[in-house]
Amino acid sequence: MLNVKTLFCIDGIDCDYGCGECEGVACLKIIRPAISSGMPGHLGQHESIARTCLPYDTRSNLDLEPAGCRTNMANGQKICICYNGDYCNAASSLSAFRIRLQIAFLLAIVFIIR
């Protein structure tokens, strides 16, 4: 019997550095919109995101799905397949800049208070 291990990455974590078990041919990202309780059929603001790495043994070059995102019009579910090194992580350099700016601001405040 085969020993199967589930490979996953948590949303917002760079799989190259923070999720070492996420090594494979691609990452499958599924976004499911939440349905608000107020109005039937109205999509809420919260969505659930699942990421799953596809191990190398699961795919061959002949049957790879094209990279990119597809949205199911019936339920609003969005599925993204990424083959590049960032494994569907959408953290831009702008968000990294904002984090650095916030850290610098907090350090400046601590320095001024002392």
PDB file of N, CA and C in Angstrom:
ATOM      1  N   MET A   1       0.841  -1.177   0.000  1.00  0.00           N
ATOM      2  CA  MET A   1       0.000   0.000   0.000  1.00  0.00           C
ATOM      3  C   MET A   1       0.886   1.240   0.000  1.00  0.00           C
ATOM      4  N   LEU A   2       0.488   2.247  -0.759  1.00  0.00           N
ATOM      5  CA  LEU A   2       1.255   3.480  -0.858  1.00  0.00           C
ATOM      6  C   LEU A   2       1.000   4.383   0.336  1.00  0.00           C
ATOM      7  N   ASN A   3       2.048   5.048   0.782  1.00  0.00           N
ATOM      8  CA  ASN A   3       1.916   6.038   1.839  1.00  0.00           C
ATOM      9  C   ASN A   3       1.692   7.390   1.176  1.00  0.00           C
ATOM     10  N   VAL A   4       0.508   7.944   1.312  1.00  0.00           N
ATOM     11  CA  VAL A   4       0.154   9.191   0.643  1.00  0.00           C
ATOM     12  C   VAL A   4       0.232  10.333   1.639  1.00  0.00           C
ATOM     13  N   LYS A   5       0.903  11.409   1.248  1.00  0.00           N
ATOM     14  CA  LYS A   5       1.016  12.591   2.097  1.00  0.00           C
ATOM     15  C   LYS A   5       0.366  13.761   1.373  1.00  0.00           C
ATOM     16  N   THR A   6      -0.510  14.462   2.039  1.00  0.00           N
ATOM     17  CA  THR A   6      -1.153  15.627   1.448  1.00  0.00           C
ATOM     18  C   THR A   6      -0.199  16.803   1.510  1.00  0.00           C
ATOM     19  N   LEU A   7      -0.033  17.468   0.384  1.00  0.00           N
ATOM     20  CA  LEU A   7       0.824  18.641   0.313  1.00  0.00           C
ATOM     21  C   LEU A   7      -0.061  19.871   0.239  1.00  0.00           C
ATOM     22  N   PHE A   8       0.243  20.871   1.038  1.00  0.00           N
ATOM     23  CA  PHE A   8      -0.600  22.064   1.038  1.00  0.00           C
ATOM     24  C   PHE A   8       0.219  23.287   1.393  1.00  0.00           C
ATOM     25  N   CYS A   9      -0.311  24.436   1.058  1.00  0.00           N
ATOM     26  CA  CYS A   9       0.274  25.704   1.473  1.00  0.00           C
ATOM     27  C   CYS A   9      -0.828  26.574   2.045  1.00  0.00           C
ATOM     28  N   ILE A  10      -0.486  27.355   3.041  1.00  0.00           N
ATOM     29  CA  ILE A  10      -1.448  28.256   3.666  1.00  0.00           C
ATOM     30  C   ILE A  10      -1.457  29.563   2.898  1.00  0.00           C
ATOM     31  N   ASP A  11      -2.616  30.148   2.734  1.00  0.00           N
ATOM     32  CA  ASP A  11      -2.747  31.397   1.991  1.00  0.00           C
ATOM     33  C   ASP A  11      -1.845  32.472   2.570  1.00  0.00           C
ATOM     34  N   GLY A  12      -1.110  33.152   1.704  1.00  0.00           N
ATOM     35  CA  GLY A  12      -0.256  34.245   2.128  1.00  0.00           C
ATOM     36  C   GLY A  12       1.162  33.830   2.443  1.00  0.00           C
ATOM     37  N   ILE A  13       1.447  32.548   2.449  1.00  0.00           N
ATOM     38  CA  ILE A  13       2.801  32.086   2.725  1.00  0.00           C
ATOM     39  C   ILE A  13       3.494  31.797   1.406  1.00  0.00           C
ATOM     40  N   ASP A  14       4.707  32.276   1.268  1.00  0.00           N
ATOM     41  CA  ASP A  14       5.482  32.009   0.067  1.00  0.00           C
ATOM     42  C   ASP A  14       5.947  30.562   0.128  1.00  0.00           C
ATOM     43  N   CYS A  15       5.465  29.756  -0.771  1.00  0.00           N
ATOM     44  CA  CYS A  15       5.752  28.322  -0.715  1.00  0.00           C
ATOM     45  C   CYS A  15       7.222  28.019  -0.942  1.00  0.00           C
ATOM     46  N   ASP A  16       7.945  28.889  -1.628  1.00  0.00           N
ATOM     47  CA  ASP A  16       9.362  28.638  -1.866  1.00  0.00           C
ATOM     48  C   ASP A  16      10.151  28.659  -0.569  1.00  0.00           C
ATOM     49  N   TYR A  17       9.758  29.499   0.396  1.00  0.00           N
ATOM     50  CA  TYR A  17      10.540  29.668   1.613  1.00  0.00           C
ATOM     51  C   TYR A  17       9.827  29.180   2.863  1.00  0.00           C
ATOM     52  N   GLY A  18       8.511  29.320   2.921  1.00  0.00           N
ATOM     53  CA  GLY A  18       7.805  29.038   4.156  1.00  0.00           C
ATOM     54  C   GLY A  18       7.033  27.740   4.168  1.00  0.00           C
ATOM     55  N   CYS A  19       7.046  27.003   3.097  1.00  0.00           N
ATOM     56  CA  CYS A  19       6.231  25.795   3.014  1.00  0.00           C
ATOM     57  C   CYS A  19       7.024  24.752   2.240  1.00  0.00           C
ATOM     58  N   GLY A  20       8.059  24.211   2.870  1.00  0.00           N
ATOM     59  CA  GLY A  20       8.988  23.329   2.186  1.00  0.00           C
ATOM     60  C   GLY A  20       8.361  22.077   1.598  1.00  0.00           C
ATOM     61  N   GLU A  21       7.233  21.624   2.165  1.00  0.00           N
ATOM     62  CA  GLU A  21       6.609  20.423   1.625  1.00  0.00           C
ATOM     63  C   GLU A  21       5.883  20.686   0.313  1.00  0.00           C
ATOM     64  N   CYS A  22       5.758  21.948  -0.065  1.00  0.00           N
ATOM     65  CA  CYS A  22       5.052  22.295  -1.293  1.00  0.00           C
ATOM     66  C   CYS A  22       6.029  22.273  -2.459  1.00  0.00           C
ATOM     67  N   GLU A  23       6.451  21.093  -2.831  1.00  0.00           N
ATOM     68  CA  GLU A  23       7.329  20.946  -3.984  1.00  0.00           C
ATOM     69  C   GLU A  23       6.631  20.033  -4.964  1.00  0.00           C
ATOM     70  N   GLY A  24       6.441  20.504  -6.146  1.00  0.00           N
ATOM     71  CA  GLY A  24       5.751  19.695  -7.133  1.00  0.00           C
ATOM     72  C   GLY A  24       5.727  20.397  -8.462  1.00  0.00           C
ATOM     73  N   VAL A  25       4.909  19.881  -9.351  1.00  0.00           N
ATOM     74  CA  VAL A  25       4.851  20.424 -10.698  1.00  0.00           C
ATOM     75  C   VAL A  25       4.025  21.702 -10.739  1.00  0.00           C
ATOM     76  N   ALA A  26       3.077  21.861  -9.824  1.00  0.00           N
ATOM     77  CA  ALA A  26       2.203  23.035  -9.856  1.00  0.00           C
ATOM     78  C   ALA A  26       1.474  23.169  -8.532  1.00  0.00           C
ATOM     79  N   CYS A  27       0.785  24.289  -8.398  1.00  0.00           N
ATOM     80  CA  CYS A  27      -0.057  24.525  -7.230  1.00  0.00           C
ATOM     81  C   CYS A  27      -1.467  24.792  -7.728  1.00  0.00           C
ATOM     82  N   LEU A  28      -2.430  24.128  -7.148  1.00  0.00           N
ATOM     83  CA  LEU A  28      -3.832  24.342  -7.474  1.00  0.00           C
ATOM     84  C   LEU A  28      -4.415  25.225  -6.388  1.00  0.00           C
ATOM     85  N   LYS A  29      -4.980  26.357  -6.779  1.00  0.00           N
ATOM     86  CA  LYS A  29      -5.569  27.311  -5.831  1.00  0.00           C
ATOM     87  C   LYS A  29      -7.061  27.389  -6.119  1.00  0.00           C
ATOM     88  N   ILE A  30      -7.878  27.114  -5.116  1.00  0.00           N
ATOM     89  CA  ILE A  30      -9.328  27.155  -5.278  1.00  0.00           C
ATOM     90  C   ILE A  30      -9.876  28.244  -4.372  1.00  0.00           C
ATOM     91  N   ILE A  31     -10.649  29.153  -4.958  1.00  0.00           N
ATOM     92  CA  ILE A  31     -11.262  30.251  -4.202  1.00  0.00           C
ATOM     93  C   ILE A  31     -12.768  30.048  -4.235  1.00  0.00           C
ATOM     94  N   ARG A  32     -13.354  29.862  -3.052  1.00  0.00           N
ATOM     95  CA  ARG A  32     -14.800  29.684  -2.959  1.00  0.00           C
ATOM     96  C   ARG A  32     -15.401  30.905  -2.282  1.00  0.00           C
ATOM     97  N   PRO A  33     -16.244  31.654  -2.992  1.00  0.00           N
ATOM     98  CA  PRO A  33     -16.865  32.822  -2.358  1.00  0.00           C
ATOM     99  C   PRO A  33     -17.874  32.384  -1.303  1.00  0.00           C
ATOM    100  N   ALA A  34     -17.944  33.150  -0.227  1.00  0.00           N
ATOM    101  CA  ALA A  34     -18.914  32.869   0.838  1.00  0.00           C
ATOM    102  C   ALA A  34     -20.252  33.475   0.454  1.00  0.00           C
ATOM    103  N   ILE A  35     -21.305  32.789   0.783  1.00  0.00           N
ATOM    104  CA  ILE A  35     -22.645  33.311   0.511  1.00  0.00           C
ATOM    105  C   ILE A  35     -23.140  33.981   1.779  1.00  0.00           C
ATOM    106  N   SER A  36     -23.514  35.255   1.659  1.00  0.00           N
ATOM    107  CA  SER A  36     -23.976  35.986   2.844  1.00  0.00           C
ATOM    108  C   SER A  36     -25.342  35.471   3.264  1.00  0.00           C
ATOM    109  N   SER A  37     -25.620  35.604   4.545  1.00  0.00           N
ATOM    110  CA  SER A  37     -26.891  35.099   5.059  1.00  0.00           C
ATOM    111  C   SER A  37     -28.036  36.076   4.823  1.00  0.00           C
ATOM    112  N   GLY A  38     -27.728  37.311   4.441  1.00  0.00           N
ATOM    113  CA  GLY A  38     -28.769  38.313   4.283  1.00  0.00           C
ATOM    114  C   GLY A  38     -29.627  38.124   3.048  1.00  0.00           C
ATOM    115  N   MET A  39     -29.008  38.036   1.910  1.00  0.00           N
ATOM    116  CA  MET A  39     -29.751  37.926   0.662  1.00  0.00           C
ATOM    117  C   MET A  39     -29.375  36.620  -0.029  1.00  0.00           C
ATOM    118  N   PRO A  40     -30.350  35.792  -0.373  1.00  0.00           N
ATOM    119  CA  PRO A  40     -30.042  34.536  -1.041  1.00  0.00           C
ATOM    120  C   PRO A  40     -29.326  34.796  -2.371  1.00  0.00           C
ATOM    121  N   GLY A  41     -28.271  34.060  -2.600  1.00  0.00           N
ATOM    122  CA  GLY A  41     -27.539  34.193  -3.851  1.00  0.00           C
ATOM    123  C   GLY A  41     -26.569  35.350  -3.891  1.00  0.00           C
ATOM    124  N   HIS A  42     -26.533  36.165  -2.828  1.00  0.00           N
ATOM    125  CA  HIS A  42     -25.625  37.312  -2.799  1.00  0.00           C
ATOM    126  C   HIS A  42     -24.278  36.869  -2.264  1.00  0.00           C
ATOM    127  N   LEU A  43     -23.222  37.167  -2.995  1.00  0.00           N
ATOM    128  CA  LEU A  43     -21.896  36.750  -2.565  1.00  0.00           C
ATOM    129  C   LEU A  43     -21.396  37.653  -1.458  1.00  0.00           C
ATOM    130  N   GLY A  44     -20.901  37.061  -0.407  1.00  0.00           N
ATOM    131  CA  GLY A  44     -20.373  37.822   0.714  1.00  0.00           C
ATOM    132  C   GLY A  44     -18.973  38.321   0.434  1.00  0.00           C
ATOM    133  N   GLN A  45     -18.406  39.006   1.399  1.00  0.00           N
ATOM    134  CA  GLN A  45     -17.080  39.566   1.228  1.00  0.00           C
ATOM    135  C   GLN A  45     -15.998  38.586   1.635  1.00  0.00           C
ATOM    136  N   HIS A  46     -16.341  37.550   2.403  1.00  0.00           N
ATOM    137  CA  HIS A  46     -15.346  36.587   2.849  1.00  0.00           C
ATOM    138  C   HIS A  46     -15.332  35.406   1.891  1.00  0.00           C
ATOM    139  N   GLU A  47     -14.157  34.954   1.581  1.00  0.00           N
ATOM    140  CA  GLU A  47     -14.038  33.809   0.705  1.00  0.00           C
ATOM    141  C   GLU A  47     -13.052  32.831   1.329  1.00  0.00           C
ATOM    142  N   SER A  48     -13.195  31.579   0.982  1.00  0.00           N
ATOM    143  CA  SER A  48     -12.245  30.584   1.475  1.00  0.00           C
ATOM    144  C   SER A  48     -11.286  30.240   0.349  1.00  0.00           C
ATOM    145  N   ILE A  49     -10.026  30.096   0.706  1.00  0.00           N
ATOM    146  CA  ILE A  49      -8.993  29.801  -0.277  1.00  0.00           C
ATOM    147  C   ILE A  49      -8.301  28.513   0.139  1.00  0.00           C
ATOM    148  N   ALA A  50      -8.179  27.597  -0.795  1.00  0.00           N
ATOM    149  CA  ALA A  50      -7.456  26.351  -0.551  1.00  0.00           C
ATOM    150  C   ALA A  50      -6.344  26.233  -1.579  1.00  0.00           C
ATOM    151  N   ARG A  51      -5.185  25.792  -1.133  1.00  0.00           N
ATOM    152  CA  ARG A  51      -4.052  25.568  -2.030  1.00  0.00           C
ATOM    153  C   ARG A  51      -3.612  24.116  -1.881  1.00  0.00           C
ATOM    154  N   THR A  52      -3.355  23.491  -2.994  1.00  0.00           N
ATOM    155  CA  THR A  52      -2.866  22.123  -2.986  1.00  0.00           C
ATOM    156  C   THR A  52      -1.760  22.001  -4.008  1.00  0.00           C
ATOM    157  N   CYS A  53      -0.647  21.443  -3.595  1.00  0.00           N
ATOM    158  CA  CYS A  53       0.454  21.217  -4.524  1.00  0.00           C
ATOM    159  C   CYS A  53       0.218  19.924  -5.281  1.00  0.00           C
ATOM    160  N   LEU A  54       0.535  19.956  -6.553  1.00  0.00           N
ATOM    161  CA  LEU A  54       0.430  18.755  -7.366  1.00  0.00           C
ATOM    162  C   LEU A  54       1.813  18.125  -7.465  1.00  0.00           C
ATOM    163  N   PRO A  55       2.007  16.932  -6.893  1.00  0.00           N
ATOM    164  CA  PRO A  55       3.317  16.286  -6.965  1.00  0.00           C
ATOM    165  C   PRO A  55       3.707  15.978  -8.410  1.00  0.00           C
ATOM    166  N   TYR A  56       5.001  15.867  -8.639  1.00  0.00           N
ATOM    167  CA  TYR A  56       5.506  15.608  -9.986  1.00  0.00           C
ATOM    168  C   TYR A  56       4.925  14.333 -10.581  1.00  0.00           C
ATOM    169  N   ASP A  57       4.685  13.338  -9.758  1.00  0.00           N
ATOM    170  CA  ASP A  57       4.192  12.053 -10.266  1.00  0.00           C
ATOM    171  C   ASP A  57       2.754  12.111 -10.761  1.00  0.00           C
ATOM    172  N   THR A  58       2.019  13.174 -10.449  1.00  0.00           N
ATOM    173  CA  THR A  58       0.605  13.230 -10.835  1.00  0.00           C
ATOM    174  C   THR A  58       0.389  13.718 -12.253  1.00  0.00           C
ATOM    175  N   ARG A  59       1.366  14.331 -12.835  1.00  0.00           N
ATOM    176  CA  ARG A  59       1.183  14.922 -14.160  1.00  0.00           C
ATOM    177  C   ARG A  59       2.333  14.558 -15.080  1.00  0.00           C
ATOM    178  N   SER A  60       2.019  14.518 -16.359  1.00  0.00           N
ATOM    179  CA  SER A  60       3.061  14.428 -17.379  1.00  0.00           C
ATOM    180  C   SER A  60       2.931  15.668 -18.250  1.00  0.00           C
ATOM    181  N   ASN A  61       3.937  15.943 -19.037  1.00  0.00           N
ATOM    182  CA  ASN A  61       3.894  17.138 -19.888  1.00  0.00           C
ATOM    183  C   ASN A  61       2.773  17.076 -20.913  1.00  0.00           C
ATOM    184  N   LEU A  62       2.265  15.892 -21.194  1.00  0.00           N
ATOM    185  CA  LEU A  62       1.233  15.754 -22.216  1.00  0.00           C
ATOM    186  C   LEU A  62      -0.146  16.174 -21.732  1.00  0.00           C
ATOM    187  N   ASP A  63      -0.409  16.045 -20.433  1.00  0.00           N
ATOM    188  CA  ASP A  63      -1.766  16.327 -19.956  1.00  0.00           C
ATOM    189  C   ASP A  63      -1.853  17.504 -18.988  1.00  0.00           C
ATOM    190  N   LEU A  64      -0.902  18.424 -19.043  1.00  0.00           N
ATOM    191  CA  LEU A  64      -0.947  19.586 -18.156  1.00  0.00           C
ATOM    192  C   LEU A  64      -2.068  20.535 -18.556  1.00  0.00           C
ATOM    193  N   GLU A  65      -2.820  20.970 -17.568  1.00  0.00           N
ATOM    194  CA  GLU A  65      -3.827  22.005 -17.804  1.00  0.00           C
ATOM    195  C   GLU A  65      -3.101  23.315 -18.055  1.00  0.00           C
ATOM    196  N   PRO A  66      -3.672  24.196 -18.862  1.00  0.00           N
ATOM    197  CA  PRO A  66      -3.014  25.493 -19.055  1.00  0.00           C
ATOM    198  C   PRO A  66      -3.003  26.299 -17.760  1.00  0.00           C
ATOM    199  N   ALA A  67      -1.928  27.043 -17.555  1.00  0.00           N
ATOM    200  CA  ALA A  67      -1.831  27.895 -16.370  1.00  0.00           C
ATOM    201  C   ALA A  67      -2.856  29.012 -16.456  1.00  0.00           C
ATOM    202  N   GLY A  68      -3.275  29.489 -15.293  1.00  0.00           N
ATOM    203  CA  GLY A  68      -4.213  30.599 -15.252  1.00  0.00           C
ATOM    204  C   GLY A  68      -5.402  30.291 -14.370  1.00  0.00           C
ATOM    205  N   CYS A  69      -6.354  31.225 -14.356  1.00  0.00           N
ATOM    206  CA  CYS A  69      -7.526  31.110 -13.491  1.00  0.00           C
ATOM    207  C   CYS A  69      -8.786  30.934 -14.320  1.00  0.00           C
ATOM    208  N   ARG A  70      -9.694  30.130 -13.793  1.00  0.00           N
ATOM    209  CA  ARG A  70     -10.990  29.919 -14.428  1.00  0.00           C
ATOM    210  C   ARG A  70     -12.069  30.090 -13.365  1.00  0.00           C
ATOM    211  N   THR A  71     -13.186  30.698 -13.734  1.00  0.00           N
ATOM    212  CA  THR A  71     -14.283  30.918 -12.797  1.00  0.00           C
ATOM    213  C   THR A  71     -15.500  30.132 -13.244  1.00  0.00           C
ATOM    214  N   ASN A  72     -16.081  29.376 -12.324  1.00  0.00           N
ATOM    215  CA  ASN A  72     -17.307  28.646 -12.580  1.00  0.00           C
ATOM    216  C   ASN A  72     -18.458  29.636 -12.421  1.00  0.00           C
ATOM    217  N   MET A  73     -19.171  29.885 -13.492  1.00  0.00           N
ATOM    218  CA  MET A  73     -20.244  30.884 -13.461  1.00  0.00           C
ATOM    219  C   MET A  73     -21.423  30.449 -12.593  1.00  0.00           C
ATOM    220  N   ALA A  74     -21.610  29.159 -12.395  1.00  0.00           N
ATOM    221  CA  ALA A  74     -22.752  28.680 -11.617  1.00  0.00           C
ATOM    222  C   ALA A  74     -22.599  28.965 -10.131  1.00  0.00           C
ATOM    223  N   ASN A  75     -21.386  28.749  -9.580  1.00  0.00           N
ATOM    224  CA  ASN A  75     -21.228  28.918  -8.135  1.00  0.00           C
ATOM    225  C   ASN A  75     -20.189  29.963  -7.748  1.00  0.00           C
ATOM    226  N   GLY A  76     -19.550  30.598  -8.718  1.00  0.00           N
ATOM    227  CA  GLY A  76     -18.578  31.642  -8.425  1.00  0.00           C
ATOM    228  C   GLY A  76     -17.228  31.126  -7.983  1.00  0.00           C
ATOM    229  N   GLN A  77     -17.036  29.810  -7.986  1.00  0.00           N
ATOM    230  CA  GLN A  77     -15.757  29.229  -7.565  1.00  0.00           C
ATOM    231  C   GLN A  77     -14.695  29.536  -8.609  1.00  0.00           C
ATOM    232  N   LYS A  78     -13.534  29.964  -8.143  1.00  0.00           N
ATOM    233  CA  LYS A  78     -12.430  30.308  -9.027  1.00  0.00           C
ATOM    234  C   LYS A  78     -11.300  29.320  -8.786  1.00  0.00           C
ATOM    235  N   ILE A  79     -10.773  28.730  -9.848  1.00  0.00           N
ATOM    236  CA  ILE A  79      -9.677  27.773  -9.739  1.00  0.00           C
ATOM    237  C   ILE A  79      -8.500  28.308 -10.529  1.00  0.00           C
ATOM    238  N   CYS A  80      -7.337  28.382  -9.877  1.00  0.00           N
ATOM    239  CA  CYS A  80      -6.112  28.854 -10.524  1.00  0.00           C
ATOM    240  C   CYS A  80      -5.084  27.730 -10.511  1.00  0.00           C
ATOM    241  N   ILE A  81      -4.391  27.563 -11.616  1.00  0.00           N
ATOM    242  CA  ILE A  81      -3.296  26.607 -11.701  1.00  0.00           C
ATOM    243  C   ILE A  81      -2.047  27.395 -12.048  1.00  0.00           C
ATOM    244  N   CYS A  82      -1.018  27.268 -11.211  1.00  0.00           N
ATOM    245  CA  CYS A  82       0.216  28.029 -11.396  1.00  0.00           C
ATOM    246  C   CYS A  82       1.385  27.071 -11.532  1.00  0.00           C
ATOM    247  N   TYR A  83       2.207  27.293 -12.542  1.00  0.00           N
ATOM    248  CA  TYR A  83       3.387  26.462 -12.751  1.00  0.00           C
ATOM    249  C   TYR A  83       4.669  27.216 -12.440  1.00  0.00           C
ATOM    250  N   ASN A  84       4.588  28.510 -12.168  1.00  0.00           N
ATOM    251  CA  ASN A  84       5.807  29.281 -11.906  1.00  0.00           C
ATOM    252  C   ASN A  84       6.234  29.109 -10.452  1.00  0.00           C
ATOM    253  N   GLY A  85       7.370  29.671 -10.103  1.00  0.00           N
ATOM    254  CA  GLY A  85       7.969  29.440  -8.797  1.00  0.00           C
ATOM    255  C   GLY A  85       7.223  30.015  -7.622  1.00  0.00           C
ATOM    256  N   ASP A  86       6.295  30.957  -7.824  1.00  0.00           N
ATOM    257  CA  ASP A  86       5.646  31.548  -6.653  1.00  0.00           C
ATOM    258  C   ASP A  86       4.425  30.754  -6.200  1.00  0.00           C
ATOM    259  N   TYR A  87       4.076  29.691  -6.898  1.00  0.00           N
ATOM    260  CA  TYR A  87       2.982  28.805  -6.499  1.00  0.00           C
ATOM    261  C   TYR A  87       1.715  29.564  -6.130  1.00  0.00           C
ATOM    262  N   CYS A  88       1.266  30.445  -6.985  1.00  0.00           N
ATOM    263  CA  CYS A  88      -0.005  31.158  -6.842  1.00  0.00           C
ATOM    264  C   CYS A  88       0.006  32.222  -5.756  1.00  0.00           C
ATOM    265  N   ASN A  89       1.135  32.496  -5.133  1.00  0.00           N
ATOM    266  CA  ASN A  89       1.164  33.550  -4.127  1.00  0.00           C
ATOM    267  C   ASN A  89       1.116  34.893  -4.834  1.00  0.00           C
ATOM    268  N   ALA A  90       0.176  35.718  -4.438  1.00  0.00           N
ATOM    269  CA  ALA A  90      -0.037  36.977  -5.129  1.00  0.00           C
ATOM    270  C   ALA A  90       0.547  38.160  -4.379  1.00  0.00           C
ATOM    271  N   ALA A  91       1.432  37.929  -3.447  1.00  0.00           N
ATOM    272  CA  ALA A  91       2.031  39.039  -2.708  1.00  0.00           C
ATOM    273  C   ALA A  91       2.911  39.835  -3.658  1.00  0.00           C
ATOM    274  N   SER A  92       2.551  41.070  -3.875  1.00  0.00           N
ATOM    275  CA  SER A  92       3.299  41.910  -4.802  1.00  0.00           C
ATOM    276  C   SER A  92       4.441  42.607  -4.082  1.00  0.00           C
ATOM    277  N   SER A  93       5.323  43.194  -4.858  1.00  0.00           N
ATOM    278  CA  SER A  93       6.418  43.949  -4.251  1.00  0.00           C
ATOM    279  C   SER A  93       5.875  45.162  -3.507  1.00  0.00           C
ATOM    280  N   LEU A  94       4.703  45.665  -3.928  1.00  0.00           N
ATOM    281  CA  LEU A  94       4.084  46.796  -3.241  1.00  0.00           C
ATOM    282  C   LEU A  94       3.680  46.406  -1.818  1.00  0.00           C
ATOM    283  N   SER A  95       3.097  45.212  -1.644  1.00  0.00           N
ATOM    284  CA  SER A  95       2.709  44.799  -0.293  1.00  0.00           C
ATOM    285  C   SER A  95       3.939  44.554   0.572  1.00  0.00           C
ATOM    286  N   ALA A  96       5.009  44.025  -0.004  1.00  0.00           N
ATOM    287  CA  ALA A  96       6.257  43.854   0.750  1.00  0.00           C
ATOM    288  C   ALA A  96       6.813  45.219   1.152  1.00  0.00           C
ATOM    289  N   PHE A  97       6.699  46.202   0.267  1.00  0.00           N
ATOM    290  CA  PHE A  97       7.144  47.558   0.576  1.00  0.00           C
ATOM    291  C   PHE A  97       6.332  48.135   1.727  1.00  0.00           C
ATOM    292  N   ARG A  98       5.028  47.906   1.720  1.00  0.00           N
ATOM    293  CA  ARG A  98       4.164  48.414   2.795  1.00  0.00           C
ATOM    294  C   ARG A  98       4.541  47.807   4.141  1.00  0.00           C
ATOM    295  N   ILE A  99       4.846  46.529   4.149  1.00  0.00           N
ATOM    296  CA  ILE A  99       5.247  45.879   5.402  1.00  0.00           C
ATOM    297  C   ILE A  99       6.544  46.488   5.913  1.00  0.00           C
ATOM    298  N   ARG A 100       7.515  46.688   5.034  1.00  0.00           N
ATOM    299  CA  ARG A 100       8.788  47.290   5.444  1.00  0.00           C
ATOM    300  C   ARG A 100       8.579  48.712   5.955  1.00  0.00           C
ATOM    301  N   LEU A 101       7.699  49.456   5.300  1.00  0.00           N
ATOM    302  CA  LEU A 101       7.414  50.821   5.717  1.00  0.00           C
ATOM    303  C   LEU A 101       6.780  50.840   7.108  1.00  0.00           C
ATOM    304  N   GLN A 102       5.860  49.917   7.377  1.00  0.00           N
ATOM    305  CA  GLN A 102       5.231  49.844   8.696  1.00  0.00           C
ATOM    306  C   GLN A 102       6.245  49.491   9.776  1.00  0.00           C
ATOM    307  N   ILE A 103       7.146  48.570   9.474  1.00  0.00           N
ATOM    308  CA  ILE A 103       8.181  48.206  10.445  1.00  0.00           C
ATOM    309  C   ILE A 103       9.084  49.396  10.732  1.00  0.00           C
ATOM    310  N   ALA A 104       9.488  50.122   9.684  1.00  0.00           N
ATOM    311  CA  ALA A 104      10.338  51.298   9.871  1.00  0.00           C
ATOM    312  C   ALA A 104       9.617  52.353  10.707  1.00  0.00           C
ATOM    313  N   PHE A 105       8.325  52.532  10.462  1.00  0.00           N
ATOM    314  CA  PHE A 105       7.536  53.501  11.212  1.00  0.00           C
ATOM    315  C   PHE A 105       7.476  53.118  12.692  1.00  0.00           C
ATOM    316  N   LEU A 106       7.231  51.838  12.972  1.00  0.00           N
ATOM    317  CA  LEU A 106       7.173  51.383  14.363  1.00  0.00           C
ATOM    318  C   LEU A 106       8.524  51.532  15.055  1.00  0.00           C
ATOM    319  N   LEU A 107       9.602  51.230  14.355  1.00  0.00           N
ATOM    320  CA  LEU A 107      10.935  51.404  14.934  1.00  0.00           C
ATOM    321  C   LEU A 107      11.222  52.874  15.221  1.00  0.00           C
ATOM    322  N   ALA A 108      10.778  53.765  14.341  1.00  0.00           N
ATOM    323  CA  ALA A 108      10.971  55.197  14.556  1.00  0.00           C
ATOM    324  C   ALA A 108      10.207  55.663  15.792  1.00  0.00           C
ATOM    325  N   ILE A 109       8.994  55.167  15.976  1.00  0.00           N
ATOM    326  CA  ILE A 109       8.200  55.537  17.151  1.00  0.00           C
ATOM    327  C   ILE A 109       8.889  55.049  18.424  1.00  0.00           C
ATOM    328  N   VAL A 110       9.374  53.811  18.419  1.00  0.00           N
ATOM    329  CA  VAL A 110      10.074  53.271  19.591  1.00  0.00           C
ATOM    330  C   VAL A 110      11.311  54.105  19.887  1.00  0.00           C
ATOM    331  N   PHE A 111      12.042  54.504  18.870  1.00  0.00           N
ATOM    332  CA  PHE A 111      13.250  55.309  19.048  1.00  0.00           C
ATOM    333  C   PHE A 111      12.910  56.683  19.628  1.00  0.00           C
ATOM    334  N   ILE A 112      11.818  57.289  19.166  1.00  0.00           N
ATOM    335  CA  ILE A 112      11.411  58.613  19.649  1.00  0.00           C
ATOM    336  C   ILE A 112      10.942  58.534  21.103  1.00  0.00           C
ATOM    337  N   ILE A 113      10.220  57.486  21.461  1.00  0.00           N
ATOM    338  CA  ILE A 113       9.695  57.340  22.817  1.00  0.00           C
ATOM    339  C   ILE A 113      10.824  57.187  23.829  1.00  0.00           C
ATOM    340  N   ARG A 114      11.885  56.531  23.472  1.00  0.00           N
ATOM    341  CA  ARG A 114      13.005  56.325  24.407  1.00  0.00           C
ATOM    342  C   ARG A 114      13.655  57.626  24.631  1.00  0.00           C
TER     343      ARG A 114
END
